[in-house]
Each structure stands twice: as structure tokens, then as C-alpha cells.
Protein backbone atom coordinates (compact mmCIF):
# COMPACT_ATOMS: atom_id res chain seq x y z
CA UNK A 1 60.64 -113.42 -50.58
CA UNK A 2 62.76 -114.30 -53.71
CA UNK A 3 59.66 -115.14 -56.08
CA UNK A 4 58.01 -112.27 -54.95
CA UNK A 5 60.59 -110.18 -56.14
CA UNK A 6 60.70 -112.13 -59.45
CA UNK A 7 63.97 -113.57 -59.09
CA UNK A 8 64.84 -116.48 -61.35
CA UNK A 9 66.17 -120.21 -61.52
CA UNK A 10 65.99 -120.31 -57.19
CA UNK A 11 67.67 -123.56 -56.08
CA UNK A 12 67.54 -124.57 -52.44
CA UNK A 13 70.21 -127.13 -51.46
CA UNK A 14 70.75 -129.29 -48.31
CA UNK A 15 74.55 -129.50 -47.78
CA UNK A 16 74.91 -130.06 -44.11
CA UNK A 17 76.55 -133.55 -44.96
CA UNK A 18 78.73 -131.78 -47.14
CA UNK A 19 79.92 -128.28 -45.78
CA UNK A 20 80.87 -127.42 -42.22
CA UNK A 21 79.92 -123.77 -42.76
CA UNK A 22 76.33 -124.21 -43.33
CA UNK A 23 73.22 -126.33 -43.59
CA UNK A 24 71.41 -125.02 -46.58
CA UNK A 25 72.26 -122.74 -49.37
CA UNK A 26 70.15 -120.77 -51.82
CA UNK A 27 71.12 -119.58 -55.02
CA UNK A 28 69.40 -117.60 -57.61
CA UNK A 29 69.76 -114.98 -60.35
CA UNK A 30 69.11 -111.56 -60.83
CA UNK A 31 68.69 -109.36 -64.09
CA UNK A 32 70.21 -106.22 -62.76
CA UNK A 33 71.95 -104.61 -59.88
CA UNK A 34 68.83 -102.92 -58.54
CA UNK A 35 67.22 -106.41 -58.51
CA UNK A 36 70.22 -107.75 -56.40
CA UNK A 37 69.36 -105.16 -53.98
CA UNK A 38 65.39 -105.66 -54.08
CA UNK A 39 66.11 -109.59 -53.48
CA UNK A 40 68.58 -108.73 -50.51
CA UNK A 41 66.11 -106.43 -49.30
CA UNK A 42 63.23 -108.92 -49.37
CA UNK A 43 64.87 -111.63 -48.13
CA UNK A 44 66.02 -109.74 -44.74
CA UNK A 45 63.02 -108.06 -44.42
CA UNK A 46 60.52 -111.09 -44.93
CA UNK A 47 62.83 -113.33 -42.67
CA UNK A 48 63.23 -110.48 -39.90
CA UNK A 49 59.14 -110.27 -39.85
CA UNK A 50 57.96 -113.87 -40.48
CA UNK A 51 61.07 -115.53 -38.42
CA UNK A 52 62.52 -113.19 -36.20
CA UNK A 53 66.05 -113.74 -37.70
CA UNK A 54 67.99 -111.29 -38.87
CA UNK A 55 70.55 -111.65 -41.60
CA UNK A 56 73.70 -109.91 -42.66
CA UNK A 57 74.13 -108.54 -46.19
CA UNK A 58 77.56 -109.22 -47.91
CA UNK A 59 79.12 -107.74 -50.92
CA UNK A 60 78.05 -104.98 -53.17
CA UNK A 61 75.34 -105.45 -56.38
CA UNK A 62 77.96 -103.69 -58.60
CA UNK A 63 80.12 -106.65 -57.61
CA UNK A 64 77.40 -108.79 -59.22
CA UNK A 65 76.95 -111.17 -55.77
CA UNK A 66 75.54 -110.55 -52.71
CA UNK A 67 75.09 -113.01 -49.91
CA UNK A 68 72.28 -112.93 -47.42
CA UNK A 69 74.01 -115.10 -44.21
CA UNK A 70 71.85 -116.38 -41.29
CA UNK A 71 74.30 -118.63 -40.29
CA UNK A 72 72.81 -122.16 -41.01
CA UNK A 73 71.32 -120.95 -44.41
CA UNK A 74 73.33 -118.71 -46.89
CA UNK A 75 71.27 -117.09 -49.75
CA UNK A 76 73.54 -116.08 -52.54
CA UNK A 77 72.15 -113.65 -55.02
CA UNK A 78 73.87 -113.55 -58.23
CA UNK A 79 73.95 -111.59 -61.87
CA UNK A 80 73.72 -114.10 -64.94
CA UNK A 81 77.23 -114.11 -65.80
CA UNK A 82 78.74 -114.58 -62.15
CA UNK A 83 76.58 -117.35 -61.41
CA UNK A 84 77.59 -119.14 -64.66
CA UNK A 85 81.28 -118.10 -63.73
CA UNK A 86 81.40 -119.59 -60.03
CA UNK A 87 79.23 -122.58 -60.60
CA UNK A 88 78.05 -123.18 -57.00
CA UNK A 89 75.46 -125.59 -58.37
CA UNK A 90 78.41 -127.89 -59.46
CA UNK A 91 80.42 -127.29 -56.51
CA UNK A 92 77.57 -128.33 -54.17
CA UNK A 93 76.45 -131.16 -56.78
CA UNK A 94 76.49 -133.98 -53.98
CA UNK A 95 73.71 -131.90 -51.77
CA UNK A 96 70.37 -132.65 -51.66
CA UNK A 97 67.96 -130.64 -54.12
CA UNK A 98 65.20 -129.38 -51.67
CA UNK A 99 63.32 -126.97 -54.32
CA UNK A 100 63.92 -125.48 -57.84
CA UNK A 101 62.10 -122.69 -59.27
CA UNK A 102 62.71 -121.93 -62.69
């Protein structure tokens, strides 16, 4: 869903050995607030239809960061500036990279 909606620099990390709140973290970049909304909606719809899972969207696109929370998977949707600022890749650098799409 993220690739279909043109997300940039998609990263899937296995952090279950490093974090207690989730097993996997997905991080990607959007180029606009409108795109942040489209990415979040696309992820929620795709997982609802294909996997019968309900995600919870947190945040507002104007803030530059949306989270879709599935419990064992957390999807972080960032604008470019906030992704560089928060550097979640560095925070979870000991996690295992399962996928990277640039």
C-alpha cells in the first residue's frame, strides 16, 4: 500500500528484541500533508481488506507525523524534515532491517 501511494524510503525493521511496545516498525516519508493522509488511509484500508486487521491512526498531517498502530506493528509516516529530526532509524539501529525500498 505504501509503495502504491508513492511513499519514499520505506523501511521495515524487526525490533522485537529491542522494544517492548511492538515487534515491527515501518518508517517512510511523504512529500506533503495530503500524501501523509493518503498513505495512512491506504495502509488502513489495505490491512482491513487483505488481513482483517483494524489500525488506529494517531496524529495530524499538519504536524508532519502520523502513526498507524496495529499493536505488534507500528507504521510511522513522516514528512522529510521530521524524519530527519527524529531519526528513528538511528534509535532502532540495532533492529534487523527486513526491507528497504528507496
